[in-house]
Protein backbone atom coordinates (compact mmCIF):
# COMPACT_ATOMS: atom_id res chain seq x y z
CA MET A 1 119.96 105.32 151.66
CA ASN A 2 117.18 106.48 149.39
CA THR A 3 114.04 104.41 149.96
CA VAL A 4 111.80 106.42 147.65
CA LYS A 5 110.70 104.18 144.82
CA ASN A 6 110.35 105.52 141.32
CA ILE A 7 106.70 105.18 140.25
CA ASN A 8 107.84 103.72 136.91
CA ASP A 9 109.66 100.83 138.66
CA ASN A 10 106.42 98.82 138.87
CA LEU A 11 105.31 99.49 135.30
CA GLU A 12 105.94 96.86 132.66
CA LYS A 13 106.78 97.59 129.04
CA PHE A 14 105.45 95.49 126.18
CA HIS A 15 107.61 93.03 124.26
CA ASN A 16 106.18 94.01 120.88
CA ALA A 17 103.28 95.72 119.11
CA GLU A 18 101.17 92.54 119.02
CA GLN A 19 101.34 92.15 122.78
CA MET A 20 100.40 95.81 123.21
CA TRP A 21 97.49 95.53 120.74
CA PHE A 22 96.06 92.38 122.36
CA TRP A 23 96.38 94.03 125.80
CA PHE A 24 94.57 97.09 124.47
CA ILE A 25 91.71 95.13 122.87
CA TYR A 26 91.26 92.91 125.94
CA SER A 27 91.41 95.84 128.35
CA LYS A 28 88.86 97.78 126.29
CA SER A 29 86.50 94.79 126.39
CA VAL A 30 86.89 94.60 130.18
CA GLN A 31 86.33 98.35 130.46
CA THR A 32 83.09 98.16 128.48
CA GLY A 33 81.89 95.10 130.37
CA ILE A 34 82.04 92.71 127.41
CA THR A 35 84.56 90.51 129.21
CA GLN A 36 85.02 89.93 132.92
CA ASN A 37 88.45 90.52 134.40
CA HIS A 38 89.21 87.49 136.56
CA GLN A 39 92.64 88.63 137.66
CA ALA A 40 94.46 91.85 138.34
CA GLY A 41 96.37 92.96 135.28
CA THR A 42 99.97 94.00 135.02
CA ARG A 43 100.52 97.73 135.39
CA ARG A 44 101.70 99.06 132.06
CA VAL A 45 103.81 102.06 131.06
CA CYS A 46 100.89 103.58 129.18
CA GLU A 47 97.14 103.89 129.58
CA LEU A 48 94.41 102.68 127.24
CA LEU A 49 93.80 106.26 126.16
CA ASP A 50 97.49 106.61 125.23
CA VAL A 51 97.29 103.63 122.86
CA GLU A 52 93.96 104.80 121.45
CA THR A 53 95.39 108.27 120.83
CA MET A 54 98.49 106.85 119.16
CA ILE A 55 96.38 104.66 116.82
CA THR A 56 94.12 107.61 116.00
CA LYS A 57 97.08 109.87 115.21
CA LEU A 58 98.65 107.20 112.98
CA TYR A 59 95.34 106.81 111.15
CA LEU A 60 94.78 110.55 110.72
CA ALA A 61 98.35 110.92 109.45
CA GLY A 62 97.60 108.29 106.80
CA ARG A 63 100.06 105.78 108.21
CA LEU A 64 97.35 103.22 109.06
CA THR A 65 94.54 102.44 106.62
CA ASP A 66 90.88 101.56 107.14
CA GLU A 67 91.65 98.05 105.94
CA GLN A 68 94.51 97.65 108.44
CA LEU A 69 92.29 98.86 111.29
CA ARG A 70 89.57 96.41 110.23
CA VAL A 71 92.08 93.53 110.32
CA MET A 72 93.51 94.70 113.65
CA LYS A 73 90.04 94.77 115.22
CA LYS A 74 88.96 91.45 113.68
CA TYR A 75 92.00 89.52 114.91
CA GLY A 76 92.28 91.49 118.12
CA ASP A 77 88.81 90.25 119.02
CA ARG A 78 89.94 86.71 118.16
CA ARG A 79 93.01 87.19 120.38
CA ARG A 80 95.37 85.96 117.68
CA ALA A 81 97.22 87.27 114.67
CA PRO A 82 96.24 86.21 111.15
CA HIS A 83 98.37 83.40 109.78
CA GLN A 84 100.20 83.93 106.51
CA TYR A 85 100.06 80.23 105.60
CA ILE A 86 96.28 79.97 105.90
CA TRP A 87 95.12 80.91 102.42
CA SER A 88 92.02 82.80 103.58
CA GLU A 89 94.12 84.85 106.04
CA ASN A 90 97.13 85.53 103.82
CA HIS A 91 96.16 89.09 102.80
CA ASP A 92 95.08 89.91 106.36
CA ALA A 93 98.49 88.70 107.60
CA TYR A 94 100.19 91.08 105.17
CA LEU A 95 98.07 94.03 106.37
CA TRP A 96 98.56 93.01 110.01
CA GLY A 97 102.35 92.83 109.62
CA GLY A 98 102.53 96.31 108.10
CA ALA A 99 100.32 97.79 110.79
CA MET A 100 102.25 96.12 113.62
CA GLU A 101 105.53 97.45 112.22
CA ILE A 102 104.20 101.02 112.16
CA ILE A 103 102.72 100.69 115.65
CA GLU A 104 105.86 99.07 117.06
CA ASN A 105 108.13 101.83 115.74
CA THR A 106 105.90 104.52 117.21
CA ALA A 107 105.40 102.74 120.55
CA ARG A 108 109.14 102.12 120.84
CA LYS A 109 109.78 105.86 120.38
CA ASN A 110 107.25 106.48 123.17
CA GLY A 111 109.15 104.09 125.43
CA TRP A 112 106.31 101.55 125.67
CA ILE A 113 108.15 98.63 124.07
CA ASP A 114 111.50 97.17 125.21
């Protein structure tokens, strides 16, 4: 009987791009000391640097825009997505949706999203 455990057995994938983005923003705030971590987090299949690198590559390739990144940061800090039915957030919701689709497709190819 093989009792050696695969190191990836304890790593959890994300359900979608939004979950990954909120994890990233929260974890970055903990890392920089803006927020205190009151509980041990779930071990993920990627590191913060992996997500940061992916976002940077998507931006440099022209797949994510400055405006999308602004919206992602704004609502990431709020810990919620913009709502399409709130008039003042309608355009942000459109930008958010496009960005999350691009990120989700890339993260899925990397094996980070179920």
